[in-house]
Amino acid sequence: MAARQIPEASVARLPVYLRALVDTAERGTHTVSSEALATAAGVNSAKIRKDLSYLGSYGTRGVGYDVEYLIHQISRELGLTQDWATCIVGIGNLGHALANYGGFAERGFRIAALLDTDTSKVGQMVAGLDVLHFDDVERIVKEEEISIGIIAVPGPHAQEVGDRLCAAGITSILNFAPAVLQVAEGVSLRKVDLSIELQILSFYEQRRVAEESVRHGTARRRLEEAALPHAEA
């Protein structure tokens, strides 16, 4: 039987639904309507129902969705019920923060190795792991059965690191470096660029300030216009 084809846009929303559902469960709520879940996830309820239908989950009219069961369904679909061995390359400030982030383990991502080329960092203990030299990446990936690599190196070195990870057998890469990577065919690549996200926020802030300036200018003109007859009198 062929696997269900879930649109990429729907896949991208599943983690958002999962986070909202976990928050709902932590508040002691056992069922949730599509409308309530839509509000928590920031999408419309029709999109929620369509996305969840790809999982075979349709909810119960007048009752909604069983929260725990839906958490299980989405977690299973996202592969979070498995133990994914993951390595972090680049143990600078960002690499340290990622290594110490407890959310990875909670979602089934086990940090199996920390790698760097800086000999002053190699051998240091970070988040309970010894930092290993990146030169040994092929051996480490094989021994630890690592399938996911996280790149947290400066931009100029990111492509080289990506090439080595692909050659070592890594099949999924999460790139935090400020660089556009080319990866081998069959390797999944996701990019997290904090500077781009901040620039997008800057756009909306600039637009908000401009809109407020226009509103204030309009209000001021109205006040001035309203005062004109009194001034002439």
C-alpha atoms as a PDB file:
ATOM      1  CA  MET A   1       0.000   0.000   0.000  1.00  0.00           C
ATOM      2  CA  ALA A   2       1.396   3.419  -0.962  1.00  0.00           C
ATOM      3  CA  ALA A   3       2.164   5.864   1.846  1.00  0.00           C
ATOM      4  CA  ARG A   4      -0.229   8.795   2.248  1.00  0.00           C
ATOM      5  CA  GLN A   5       0.965  11.923   0.501  1.00  0.00           C
ATOM      6  CA  ILE A   6       0.798  14.832   2.925  1.00  0.00           C
ATOM      7  CA  PRO A   7       1.442  18.287   1.425  1.00  0.00           C
ATOM      8  CA  GLU A   8       4.623  19.978   2.646  1.00  0.00           C
ATOM      9  CA  ALA A   9       2.634  22.938   3.948  1.00  0.00           C
ATOM     10  CA  SER A  10       0.556  20.584   6.092  1.00  0.00           C
ATOM     11  CA  VAL A  11       3.685  18.823   7.388  1.00  0.00           C
ATOM     12  CA  ALA A  12       5.137  22.215   8.371  1.00  0.00           C
ATOM     13  CA  ARG A  13       2.019  22.952  10.445  1.00  0.00           C
ATOM     14  CA  LEU A  14       1.929  19.628  12.306  1.00  0.00           C
ATOM     15  CA  PRO A  15       4.631  20.643  14.849  1.00  0.00           C
ATOM     16  CA  VAL A  16       2.643  23.814  15.560  1.00  0.00           C
ATOM     17  CA  TYR A  17      -0.472  21.747  16.251  1.00  0.00           C
ATOM     18  CA  LEU A  18       1.554  19.396  18.419  1.00  0.00           C
ATOM     19  CA  ARG A  19       2.876  22.232  20.558  1.00  0.00           C
ATOM     20  CA  ALA A  20      -0.629  23.628  21.003  1.00  0.00           C
ATOM     21  CA  LEU A  21      -1.973  20.188  21.908  1.00  0.00           C
ATOM     22  CA  VAL A  22       0.765  19.567  24.472  1.00  0.00           C
ATOM     23  CA  ASP A  23      -0.022  22.931  26.087  1.00  0.00           C
ATOM     24  CA  THR A  24      -3.701  21.952  26.113  1.00  0.00           C
ATOM     25  CA  ALA A  25      -2.956  18.592  27.723  1.00  0.00           C
ATOM     26  CA  GLU A  26      -0.793  20.246  30.393  1.00  0.00           C
ATOM     27  CA  ARG A  27      -3.797  22.367  31.369  1.00  0.00           C
ATOM     28  CA  GLY A  28      -5.769  19.178  31.988  1.00  0.00           C
ATOM     29  CA  THR A  29      -8.024  19.464  28.937  1.00  0.00           C
ATOM     30  CA  HIS A  30      -8.864  16.117  27.330  1.00  0.00           C
ATOM     31  CA  THR A  31     -10.788  17.187  24.225  1.00  0.00           C
ATOM     32  CA  VAL A  32     -10.385  20.175  21.930  1.00  0.00           C
ATOM     33  CA  SER A  33     -12.501  21.551  19.091  1.00  0.00           C
ATOM     34  CA  SER A  34     -10.994  22.445  15.744  1.00  0.00           C
ATOM     35  CA  GLU A  35     -11.880  26.083  16.470  1.00  0.00           C
ATOM     36  CA  ALA A  36     -10.023  26.097  19.798  1.00  0.00           C
ATOM     37  CA  LEU A  37      -7.017  24.327  18.282  1.00  0.00           C
ATOM     38  CA  ALA A  38      -7.043  26.751  15.352  1.00  0.00           C
ATOM     39  CA  THR A  39      -6.949  29.709  17.740  1.00  0.00           C
ATOM     40  CA  ALA A  40      -4.049  28.205  19.687  1.00  0.00           C
ATOM     41  CA  ALA A  41      -2.124  27.392  16.492  1.00  0.00           C
ATOM     42  CA  GLY A  42      -2.879  30.638  14.693  1.00  0.00           C
ATOM     43  CA  VAL A  43      -4.619  29.125  11.645  1.00  0.00           C
ATOM     44  CA  ASN A  44      -8.231  28.754  10.552  1.00  0.00           C
ATOM     45  CA  SER A  45     -10.312  25.777  11.635  1.00  0.00           C
ATOM     46  CA  ALA A  46     -10.948  24.578   8.067  1.00  0.00           C
ATOM     47  CA  LYS A  47      -7.199  24.239   7.543  1.00  0.00           C
ATOM     48  CA  ILE A  48      -6.883  22.331  10.826  1.00  0.00           C
ATOM     49  CA  ARG A  49      -9.573  19.849   9.786  1.00  0.00           C
ATOM     50  CA  LYS A  50      -8.021  19.395   6.346  1.00  0.00           C
ATOM     51  CA  ASP A  51      -4.507  18.841   7.724  1.00  0.00           C
ATOM     52  CA  LEU A  52      -5.662  16.362  10.352  1.00  0.00           C
ATOM     53  CA  SER A  53      -7.706  14.456   7.785  1.00  0.00           C
ATOM     54  CA  TYR A  54      -4.421  13.407   6.165  1.00  0.00           C
ATOM     55  CA  LEU A  55      -3.696  11.580   9.439  1.00  0.00           C
ATOM     56  CA  GLY A  56      -7.083   9.876   9.343  1.00  0.00           C
ATOM     57  CA  SER A  57      -8.302  11.956  12.260  1.00  0.00           C
ATOM     58  CA  TYR A  58     -11.701  13.608  11.828  1.00  0.00           C
ATOM     59  CA  GLY A  59     -12.769  14.286  15.412  1.00  0.00           C
ATOM     60  CA  THR A  60     -16.292  13.799  16.755  1.00  0.00           C
ATOM     61  CA  ARG A  61     -19.057  16.252  15.968  1.00  0.00           C
ATOM     62  CA  GLY A  62     -20.022  18.188  19.064  1.00  0.00           C
ATOM     63  CA  VAL A  63     -17.070  16.798  21.007  1.00  0.00           C
ATOM     64  CA  GLY A  64     -13.933  17.580  19.043  1.00  0.00           C
ATOM     65  CA  TYR A  65     -10.617  15.752  19.061  1.00  0.00           C
ATOM     66  CA  ASP A  66      -9.194  13.553  21.803  1.00  0.00           C
ATOM     67  CA  VAL A  67      -6.085  15.513  22.816  1.00  0.00           C
ATOM     68  CA  GLU A  68      -3.861  12.615  23.914  1.00  0.00           C
ATOM     69  CA  TYR A  69      -4.736  10.501  20.885  1.00  0.00           C
ATOM     70  CA  LEU A  70      -4.088  13.404  18.526  1.00  0.00           C
ATOM     71  CA  ILE A  71      -0.723  14.035  20.203  1.00  0.00           C
ATOM     72  CA  HIS A  72       0.132  10.385  19.582  1.00  0.00           C
ATOM     73  CA  GLN A  73      -1.020  10.547  15.951  1.00  0.00           C
ATOM     74  CA  ILE A  74       0.994  13.656  15.117  1.00  0.00           C
ATOM     75  CA  SER A  75       4.057  12.437  17.031  1.00  0.00           C
ATOM     76  CA  ARG A  76       3.951   9.151  15.140  1.00  0.00           C
ATOM     77  CA  GLU A  77       3.519  10.897  11.785  1.00  0.00           C
ATOM     78  CA  LEU A  78       6.463  13.194  12.524  1.00  0.00           C
ATOM     79  CA  GLY A  79       8.607  10.242  13.599  1.00  0.00           C
ATOM     80  CA  LEU A  80       8.915  11.531  17.158  1.00  0.00           C
ATOM     81  CA  THR A  81       8.178   8.150  18.691  1.00  0.00           C
ATOM     82  CA  GLN A  82      11.615   6.994  17.532  1.00  0.00           C
ATOM     83  CA  ASP A  83      15.074   7.771  18.890  1.00  0.00           C
ATOM     84  CA  TRP A  84      16.927   9.900  16.331  1.00  0.00           C
ATOM     85  CA  ALA A  85      20.665  10.110  16.938  1.00  0.00           C
ATOM     86  CA  THR A  86      21.816  13.636  16.187  1.00  0.00           C
ATOM     87  CA  CYS A  87      25.160  15.448  16.106  1.00  0.00           C
ATOM     88  CA  ILE A  88      25.967  19.129  16.484  1.00  0.00           C
ATOM     89  CA  VAL A  89      28.892  20.555  14.505  1.00  0.00           C
ATOM     90  CA  GLY A  90      30.320  23.810  15.853  1.00  0.00           C
ATOM     91  CA  ILE A  91      30.462  24.166  19.632  1.00  0.00           C
ATOM     92  CA  GLY A  92      30.543  27.938  19.930  1.00  0.00           C
ATOM     93  CA  ASN A  93      27.914  29.951  21.775  1.00  0.00           C
ATOM     94  CA  LEU A  94      25.090  28.667  19.590  1.00  0.00           C
ATOM     95  CA  GLY A  95      26.372  25.096  19.656  1.00  0.00           C
ATOM     96  CA  HIS A  96      26.561  25.229  23.464  1.00  0.00           C
ATOM     97  CA  ALA A  97      22.990  26.512  23.671  1.00  0.00           C
ATOM     98  CA  LEU A  98      21.706  23.815  21.320  1.00  0.00           C
ATOM     99  CA  ALA A  99      23.570  21.064  23.180  1.00  0.00           C
ATOM    100  CA  ASN A 100      22.026  22.163  26.471  1.00  0.00           C
ATOM    101  CA  TYR A 101      18.509  22.504  25.105  1.00  0.00           C
ATOM    102  CA  GLY A 102      16.340  19.916  26.823  1.00  0.00           C
ATOM    103  CA  GLY A 103      13.582  20.060  24.231  1.00  0.00           C
ATOM    104  CA  PHE A 104      15.470  17.820  21.806  1.00  0.00           C
ATOM    105  CA  ALA A 105      15.364  14.784  24.074  1.00  0.00           C
ATOM    106  CA  GLU A 106      11.694  15.375  24.897  1.00  0.00           C
ATOM    107  CA  ARG A 107      10.890  15.109  21.187  1.00  0.00           C
ATOM    108  CA  GLY A 108      12.962  12.005  20.447  1.00  0.00           C
ATOM    109  CA  PHE A 109      16.190  13.640  19.265  1.00  0.00           C
ATOM    110  CA  ARG A 110      19.190  12.256  21.133  1.00  0.00           C
ATOM    111  CA  ILE A 111      22.328  14.363  20.894  1.00  0.00           C
ATOM    112  CA  ALA A 112      24.877  11.606  20.293  1.00  0.00           C
ATOM    113  CA  ALA A 113      27.953  13.677  19.421  1.00  0.00           C
ATOM    114  CA  LEU A 114      29.381  17.190  19.586  1.00  0.00           C
ATOM    115  CA  LEU A 115      31.995  18.017  16.954  1.00  0.00           C
ATOM    116  CA  ASP A 116      34.402  20.866  16.332  1.00  0.00           C
ATOM    117  CA  THR A 117      37.698  21.549  14.571  1.00  0.00           C
ATOM    118  CA  ASP A 118      39.016  23.881  17.288  1.00  0.00           C
ATOM    119  CA  THR A 119      41.548  21.842  19.265  1.00  0.00           C
ATOM    120  CA  SER A 120      41.008  24.086  22.291  1.00  0.00           C
ATOM    121  CA  LYS A 121      37.404  22.884  22.423  1.00  0.00           C
ATOM    122  CA  VAL A 122      38.032  19.229  21.644  1.00  0.00           C
ATOM    123  CA  GLY A 123      37.957  17.233  24.871  1.00  0.00           C
ATOM    124  CA  GLN A 124      35.802  19.736  26.727  1.00  0.00           C
ATOM    125  CA  MET A 125      32.657  18.436  28.417  1.00  0.00           C
ATOM    126  CA  VAL A 126      29.454  20.079  27.202  1.00  0.00           C
ATOM    127  CA  ALA A 127      25.990  18.910  28.257  1.00  0.00           C
ATOM    128  CA  GLY A 128      27.476  15.651  29.490  1.00  0.00           C
ATOM    129  CA  LEU A 129      29.338  14.878  26.253  1.00  0.00           C
ATOM    130  CA  ASP A 130      32.978  15.196  25.277  1.00  0.00           C
ATOM    131  CA  VAL A 131      33.559  17.452  22.280  1.00  0.00           C
ATOM    132  CA  LEU A 132      35.125  15.341  19.524  1.00  0.00           C
ATOM    133  CA  HIS A 133      37.225  16.408  16.544  1.00  0.00           C
ATOM    134  CA  PHE A 134      35.336  16.849  13.312  1.00  0.00           C
ATOM    135  CA  ASP A 135      38.057  14.941  11.459  1.00  0.00           C
ATOM    136  CA  ASP A 136      36.541  11.770  12.938  1.00  0.00           C
ATOM    137  CA  VAL A 137      33.020  12.524  11.691  1.00  0.00           C
ATOM    138  CA  GLU A 138      32.770   9.490   9.389  1.00  0.00           C
ATOM    139  CA  ARG A 139      33.662   7.053  12.153  1.00  0.00           C
ATOM    140  CA  ILE A 140      31.448   8.764  14.725  1.00  0.00           C
ATOM    141  CA  VAL A 141      28.397   8.876  12.433  1.00  0.00           C
ATOM    142  CA  LYS A 142      28.784   5.172  11.713  1.00  0.00           C
ATOM    143  CA  GLU A 143      29.401   4.093  15.312  1.00  0.00           C
ATOM    144  CA  GLU A 144      26.587   6.198  16.778  1.00  0.00           C
ATOM    145  CA  GLU A 145      24.231   5.536  13.839  1.00  0.00           C
ATOM    146  CA  ILE A 146      23.640   9.259  13.476  1.00  0.00           C
ATOM    147  CA  SER A 147      21.138  10.319  10.830  1.00  0.00           C
ATOM    148  CA  ILE A 148      20.645  14.025  11.616  1.00  0.00           C
ATOM    149  CA  GLY A 149      23.337  16.698  11.646  1.00  0.00           C
ATOM    150  CA  ILE A 150      22.977  20.214  13.054  1.00  0.00           C
ATOM    151  CA  ILE A 151      25.350  22.802  11.598  1.00  0.00           C
ATOM    152  CA  ALA A 152      26.225  25.704  13.908  1.00  0.00           C
ATOM    153  CA  VAL A 153      29.464  26.927  12.328  1.00  0.00           C
ATOM    154  CA  PRO A 154      30.340  30.307  10.739  1.00  0.00           C
ATOM    155  CA  GLY A 155      28.920  30.784   7.266  1.00  0.00           C
ATOM    156  CA  PRO A 156      32.178  30.403   5.298  1.00  0.00           C
ATOM    157  CA  HIS A 157      32.686  26.882   6.698  1.00  0.00           C
ATOM    158  CA  ALA A 158      29.104  25.637   6.404  1.00  0.00           C
ATOM    159  CA  GLN A 159      29.313  24.139   2.907  1.00  0.00           C
ATOM    160  CA  GLU A 160      32.443  22.160   3.744  1.00  0.00           C
ATOM    161  CA  VAL A 161      30.791  20.832   6.889  1.00  0.00           C
ATOM    162  CA  GLY A 162      27.653  19.971   4.944  1.00  0.00           C
ATOM    163  CA  ASP A 163      29.691  18.079   2.339  1.00  0.00           C
ATOM    164  CA  ARG A 164      31.482  16.064   5.016  1.00  0.00           C
ATOM    165  CA  LEU A 165      28.229  15.235   6.796  1.00  0.00           C
ATOM    166  CA  CYS A 166      26.631  14.032   3.563  1.00  0.00           C
ATOM    167  CA  ALA A 167      29.707  11.960   2.719  1.00  0.00           C
ATOM    168  CA  ALA A 168      29.616  10.450   6.214  1.00  0.00           C
ATOM    169  CA  GLY A 169      26.063   9.202   5.669  1.00  0.00           C
ATOM    170  CA  ILE A 170      23.988  11.925   7.296  1.00  0.00           C
ATOM    171  CA  THR A 171      20.581  12.031   5.613  1.00  0.00           C
ATOM    172  CA  SER A 172      19.035  15.111   7.262  1.00  0.00           C
ATOM    173  CA  ILE A 173      20.655  18.466   8.039  1.00  0.00           C
ATOM    174  CA  LEU A 174      19.439  21.410  10.099  1.00  0.00           C
ATOM    175  CA  ASN A 175      21.508  24.445   9.128  1.00  0.00           C
ATOM    176  CA  PHE A 176      21.870  27.360  11.538  1.00  0.00           C
ATOM    177  CA  ALA A 177      24.807  28.861   9.624  1.00  0.00           C
ATOM    178  CA  PRO A 178      24.171  32.080   7.638  1.00  0.00           C
ATOM    179  CA  ALA A 179      24.803  30.361   4.311  1.00  0.00           C
ATOM    180  CA  VAL A 180      22.839  28.663   1.555  1.00  0.00           C
ATOM    181  CA  LEU A 181      23.929  25.029   1.324  1.00  0.00           C
ATOM    182  CA  GLN A 182      23.921  22.548  -1.514  1.00  0.00           C
ATOM    183  CA  VAL A 183      23.468  18.978  -0.322  1.00  0.00           C
ATOM    184  CA  ALA A 184      23.644  15.569  -1.944  1.00  0.00           C
ATOM    185  CA  GLU A 185      20.553  14.144  -3.593  1.00  0.00           C
ATOM    186  CA  GLY A 186      18.345  12.389  -1.080  1.00  0.00           C
ATOM    187  CA  VAL A 187      19.504  14.525   1.868  1.00  0.00           C
ATOM    188  CA  SER A 188      16.810  16.610   3.581  1.00  0.00           C
ATOM    189  CA  LEU A 189      17.863  20.164   4.411  1.00  0.00           C
ATOM    190  CA  ARG A 190      16.172  22.725   6.649  1.00  0.00           C
ATOM    191  CA  LYS A 191      17.542  26.189   7.368  1.00  0.00           C
ATOM    192  CA  VAL A 192      17.100  28.354  10.444  1.00  0.00           C
ATOM    193  CA  ASP A 193      18.352  31.899   9.809  1.00  0.00           C
ATOM    194  CA  LEU A 194      17.758  34.118  12.825  1.00  0.00           C
ATOM    195  CA  SER A 195      18.950  37.249  11.013  1.00  0.00           C
ATOM    196  CA  ILE A 196      16.369  36.758   8.264  1.00  0.00           C
ATOM    197  CA  GLU A 197      13.610  36.313  10.837  1.00  0.00           C
ATOM    198  CA  LEU A 198      14.705  39.539  12.552  1.00  0.00           C
ATOM    199  CA  GLN A 199      14.722  41.368   9.214  1.00  0.00           C
ATOM    200  CA  ILE A 200      11.160  40.204   8.577  1.00  0.00           C
ATOM    201  CA  LEU A 201      10.166  41.513  12.001  1.00  0.00           C
ATOM    202  CA  SER A 202      11.938  44.774  11.131  1.00  0.00           C
ATOM    203  CA  PHE A 203       9.729  45.081   8.039  1.00  0.00           C
ATOM    204  CA  TYR A 204       6.546  44.748  10.099  1.00  0.00           C
ATOM    205  CA  GLU A 205       7.850  47.134  12.766  1.00  0.00           C
ATOM    206  CA  GLN A 206       8.677  49.718  10.106  1.00  0.00           C
ATOM    207  CA  ARG A 207       5.232  49.357   8.552  1.00  0.00           C
ATOM    208  CA  ARG A 208       3.555  49.645  11.962  1.00  0.00           C
ATOM    209  CA  VAL A 209       5.484  52.839  12.762  1.00  0.00           C
ATOM    210  CA  ALA A 210       4.589  54.282   9.344  1.00  0.00           C
ATOM    211  CA  GLU A 211       0.902  53.471   9.825  1.00  0.00           C
ATOM    212  CA  GLU A 212       0.916  55.039  13.289  1.00  0.00           C
ATOM    213  CA  SER A 213       2.613  58.130  11.872  1.00  0.00           C
ATOM    214  CA  VAL A 214      -0.081  58.437   9.200  1.00  0.00           C
ATOM    215  CA  ARG A 215      -2.836  58.045  11.809  1.00  0.00           C
ATOM    216  CA  HIS A 216      -1.273  60.654  14.065  1.00  0.00           C
ATOM    217  CA  GLY A 217      -0.812  63.033  11.137  1.00  0.00           C
ATOM    218  CA  THR A 218      -4.425  62.591  10.065  1.00  0.00           C
ATOM    219  CA  ALA A 219      -5.660  63.169  13.601  1.00  0.00           C
ATOM    220  CA  ARG A 220      -3.504  66.285  13.931  1.00  0.00           C
ATOM    221  CA  ARG A 221      -4.821  67.717  10.656  1.00  0.00           C
ATOM    222  CA  ARG A 222      -8.389  67.101  11.760  1.00  0.00           C
ATOM    223  CA  LEU A 223      -7.745  68.935  15.009  1.00  0.00           C
ATOM    224  CA  GLU A 224      -6.171  71.825  13.125  1.00  0.00           C
ATOM    225  CA  GLU A 225      -9.049  71.943  10.665  1.00  0.00           C
ATOM    226  CA  ALA A 226     -11.576  71.871  13.501  1.00  0.00           C
ATOM    227  CA  ALA A 227      -9.801  74.804  15.146  1.00  0.00           C
ATOM    228  CA  LEU A 228      -9.736  76.971  12.013  1.00  0.00           C
ATOM    229  CA  PRO A 229     -13.280  78.430  12.292  1.00  0.00           C
ATOM    230  CA  HIS A 230     -12.609  79.444  15.920  1.00  0.00           C
ATOM    231  CA  ALA A 231      -9.382  81.085  14.908  1.00  0.00           C
ATOM    232  CA  GLU A 232     -11.157  83.075  12.142  1.00  0.00           C
ATOM    233  CA  ALA A 233     -13.925  84.072  14.545  1.00  0.00           C
END
